[in-house]
Protein backbone atom coordinates (compact mmCIF):
# COMPACT_ATOMS: atom_id res chain seq x y z
CA MET A 1 163.44 64.94 212.06
CA GLU A 2 161.37 62.28 213.90
CA ASN A 3 163.33 60.39 216.59
CA ALA A 4 160.36 59.05 218.88
CA LEU A 5 158.01 56.26 217.93
CA GLU A 6 154.50 56.99 218.87
CA PRO A 7 153.27 55.45 222.17
CA ASN A 8 151.20 52.22 221.84
CA LEU A 9 151.21 52.46 217.77
CA ALA A 10 151.93 48.59 217.44
CA PRO A 11 150.24 45.78 219.12
CA ALA A 12 152.21 43.54 220.84
CA GLY A 13 154.68 41.49 218.51
CA GLU A 14 154.23 43.82 215.51
CA PRO A 15 156.97 46.26 214.91
CA ALA A 16 156.51 50.02 215.78
CA LEU A 17 156.74 52.07 212.90
CA THR A 18 157.39 55.86 212.58
CA PRO A 19 155.23 58.11 210.61
CA THR A 20 157.97 58.22 207.87
CA GLY A 21 158.30 54.31 208.26
CA ARG A 22 154.83 54.14 207.21
CA ALA A 23 155.21 56.34 204.29
CA ILE A 24 158.18 54.47 203.20
CA LEU A 25 156.32 51.06 203.49
CA GLY A 26 153.64 52.30 201.49
CA MET A 27 155.67 53.75 198.61
CA LEU A 28 157.43 50.46 198.54
CA SER A 29 154.09 48.77 198.31
CA LEU A 30 153.96 50.58 194.82
CA GLY A 31 157.23 48.65 194.03
CA LYS A 32 160.78 48.08 194.61
CA THR A 33 163.04 51.19 194.42
CA SER A 34 165.83 53.14 195.94
CA GLY A 35 165.75 55.84 198.70
CA TYR A 36 166.15 58.87 195.99
CA ASP A 37 163.35 57.33 193.97
CA ILE A 38 161.20 57.31 197.50
CA LYS A 39 162.13 61.01 197.84
CA GLN A 40 161.38 61.47 193.98
CA LEU A 41 157.94 60.02 194.49
CA VAL A 42 157.21 61.86 197.72
CA ASP A 43 157.88 65.02 196.12
CA LYS A 44 155.25 64.29 193.10
CA SER A 45 152.79 62.86 195.03
CA THR A 46 152.43 63.11 198.96
CA ARG A 47 154.60 66.18 199.54
CA HIS A 48 151.36 68.24 199.60
CA PHE A 49 150.33 66.64 202.67
CA TRP A 50 153.22 64.47 204.01
CA ALA A 51 156.49 65.44 203.00
CA ALA A 52 159.72 63.25 203.97
CA SER A 53 163.49 64.51 203.65
CA TYR A 54 166.51 62.55 202.41
CA GLY A 55 167.72 62.87 206.04
CA GLN A 56 164.46 61.30 207.17
CA ILE A 57 164.20 58.43 204.21
CA TYR A 58 167.69 56.94 204.50
CA PRO A 59 167.88 56.44 208.19
CA GLU A 60 164.35 54.96 208.44
CA LEU A 61 165.15 52.53 205.39
CA LYS A 62 168.03 51.06 207.45
CA ARG A 63 166.05 50.58 210.16
CA LEU A 64 163.01 49.13 208.42
CA GLU A 65 165.55 46.60 207.14
CA ASP A 66 167.20 46.16 210.32
CA GLN A 67 163.69 44.95 211.71
CA GLY A 68 163.20 42.95 208.27
CA LEU A 69 160.42 45.00 207.04
CA VAL A 70 162.34 45.87 203.70
CA ARG A 71 165.32 44.36 201.87
CA GLY A 72 167.51 46.13 200.21
CA HIS A 73 170.19 44.92 197.57
CA GLU A 74 172.67 46.67 195.30
CA GLU A 75 171.63 47.68 191.84
CA PRO A 76 174.08 50.04 190.28
CA THR A 77 172.89 51.69 187.61
CA GLY A 78 175.00 53.20 184.86
CA GLY A 79 178.46 52.79 187.01
CA ARG A 80 176.89 54.52 189.96
CA PRO A 81 176.00 52.66 193.31
CA ARG A 82 172.52 52.49 194.05
CA ARG A 83 170.47 50.56 196.72
CA VAL A 84 167.02 49.05 195.82
CA TYR A 85 164.27 48.38 198.47
CA GLU A 86 161.32 46.02 198.46
CA LEU A 87 158.86 45.13 200.84
CA THR A 88 159.24 41.94 202.54
CA GLU A 89 156.37 39.60 203.77
CA ALA A 90 156.69 41.17 207.29
CA GLY A 91 156.81 44.74 205.50
CA ARG A 92 153.69 44.13 203.75
CA ALA A 93 152.15 42.63 207.12
CA ALA A 94 153.28 45.73 208.92
CA LEU A 95 151.71 48.15 206.21
CA ALA A 96 148.35 46.36 206.34
CA ALA A 97 148.19 46.23 209.99
CA TRP A 98 148.58 50.09 210.07
CA LEU A 99 146.28 50.76 207.22
CA ALA A 100 143.59 48.56 209.15
CA SER A 101 144.54 50.15 212.73
CA GLU A 102 141.79 51.39 214.39
CA ARG A 103 143.58 54.25 216.35
CA GLU A 104 143.26 57.84 215.59
CA PRO A 105 145.24 58.81 212.53
CA LEU A 106 148.11 61.30 213.60
CA TYR A 107 147.53 64.82 212.31
CA GLU A 108 150.38 67.02 212.15
CA LEU A 109 150.63 70.73 210.31
CA ARG A 110 153.50 72.72 210.06
CA ASP A 111 152.78 76.00 208.43
CA GLU A 112 154.79 78.92 209.18
CA GLY A 113 152.27 81.29 207.77
CA MET A 114 149.90 80.17 210.39
CA LEU A 115 152.77 80.38 212.85
CA LYS A 116 153.44 83.79 211.85
CA LEU A 117 149.65 84.59 212.17
CA PHE A 118 149.56 83.14 215.70
CA PHE A 119 152.60 85.55 216.64
CA SER A 120 151.18 88.30 214.52
CA ASP A 121 149.90 90.77 217.76
CA VAL A 122 153.76 91.31 217.93
CA LEU A 123 153.64 93.05 214.79
CA PRO A 124 150.03 93.77 213.81
CA GLU A 125 150.60 96.02 211.00
CA GLN A 126 152.26 93.07 208.96
CA ARG A 127 149.20 90.77 209.72
CA LEU A 128 147.37 91.57 206.65
CA ALA A 129 150.42 91.37 204.38
CA ASN A 130 150.86 87.89 205.87
CA ILE A 131 147.61 86.73 205.12
CA ARG A 132 147.84 87.68 201.48
CA ALA A 133 151.12 85.76 201.54
CA MET A 134 149.52 82.76 202.67
CA ARG A 135 146.67 83.04 199.86
CA ARG A 136 149.29 83.64 197.40
CA ARG A 137 151.02 80.30 198.33
CA MET A 138 147.88 78.32 198.61
CA GLU A 139 146.85 79.50 195.01
CA ARG A 140 149.98 78.25 193.57
CA LYS A 141 149.56 75.05 195.35
CA LEU A 142 145.85 74.86 194.06
CA GLU A 143 147.53 75.46 190.65
CA GLN A 144 149.58 72.61 190.85
CA LEU A 145 146.92 70.35 192.44
CA VAL A 146 144.27 71.20 189.60
CA ALA A 147 147.21 70.32 187.08
CA VAL A 148 147.54 66.96 188.81
CA ARG A 149 143.80 66.34 188.74
CA ALA A 150 143.73 66.59 185.00
CA HIS A 151 145.27 63.30 185.16
CA ALA A 152 142.87 61.67 187.83
CA HIS A 153 141.33 59.43 185.42
CA GLU A 154 144.78 57.70 185.40
CA MET A 155 145.07 57.55 189.12
CA SER A 156 143.63 54.63 191.26
CA PRO A 157 140.83 55.57 194.02
CA GLY A 158 143.27 56.27 197.06
CA PRO A 159 145.31 58.67 195.41
CA ALA A 160 142.24 60.41 193.41
CA LEU A 161 140.35 60.65 196.70
CA THR A 162 143.46 62.27 198.42
CA LEU A 163 143.82 64.62 195.58
CA ASP A 164 140.15 65.76 195.84
CA LEU A 165 140.49 66.45 199.65
CA GLY A 166 143.77 68.44 199.00
CA VAL A 167 141.95 70.59 196.33
CA THR A 168 138.63 71.03 198.66
CA THR A 169 140.83 71.93 201.54
CA THR A 170 143.07 74.13 199.40
CA GLU A 171 140.16 75.96 198.27
CA THR A 172 138.85 76.60 201.46
CA PHE A 173 141.94 77.74 202.93
CA ILE A 174 142.18 80.32 200.14
CA GLN A 175 138.15 81.26 201.02
CA TRP A 176 139.01 82.01 204.26
CA CYS A 177 142.11 84.08 203.66
CA GLU A 178 139.87 86.23 201.16
CA ALA A 179 137.42 86.58 204.10
CA VAL A 180 139.80 87.81 206.44
CA GLU A 181 141.63 89.82 203.96
CA ALA A 182 138.30 91.65 203.57
CA ARG A 183 137.59 91.98 206.99
CA LEU A 184 141.28 93.61 207.79
CA ALA A 185 140.99 95.70 204.98
CA GLU A 186 138.06 97.39 206.03
CA LYS A 187 139.55 98.37 209.56
CA GLU A 188 142.64 99.97 207.74
């Protein structure tokens, strides 16, 4: 869970945004929605490269509302409580400022397979099996991305380009695994 803002992220007078805050503002730029629906949107779109949990989304929505970047109101459906959020003008301006920012974008990769690979000297006999597991995971991911790509003609340019990058990097990851598997298998 993120709890700190990046240093020097926002110029003076502009609100500082966490990475999850930026993702939420982006999701809300697509239209007003609830925290639950934001999570569903993340799971259907950005989760392959930028996941967010309910435990991140709801506190961040509150923080963004306190900053005046989003506005929430009750909109019950079917007798169930539901709070719907939308961007304010200040929120649109903060999103635009982030999109136009010249600072180097944050890059964060959390991959347990890579973590196992890093520490694989502790149990070298497991290394090949771990790399195979990484490849299988990425093959499943590639199948998902290729299925989404069948609808790329319906996407706006930003998501379509992001999907193309995701497919390309996933294919490259698989190729790397295959090459290393072959190299390690020769040594066995």
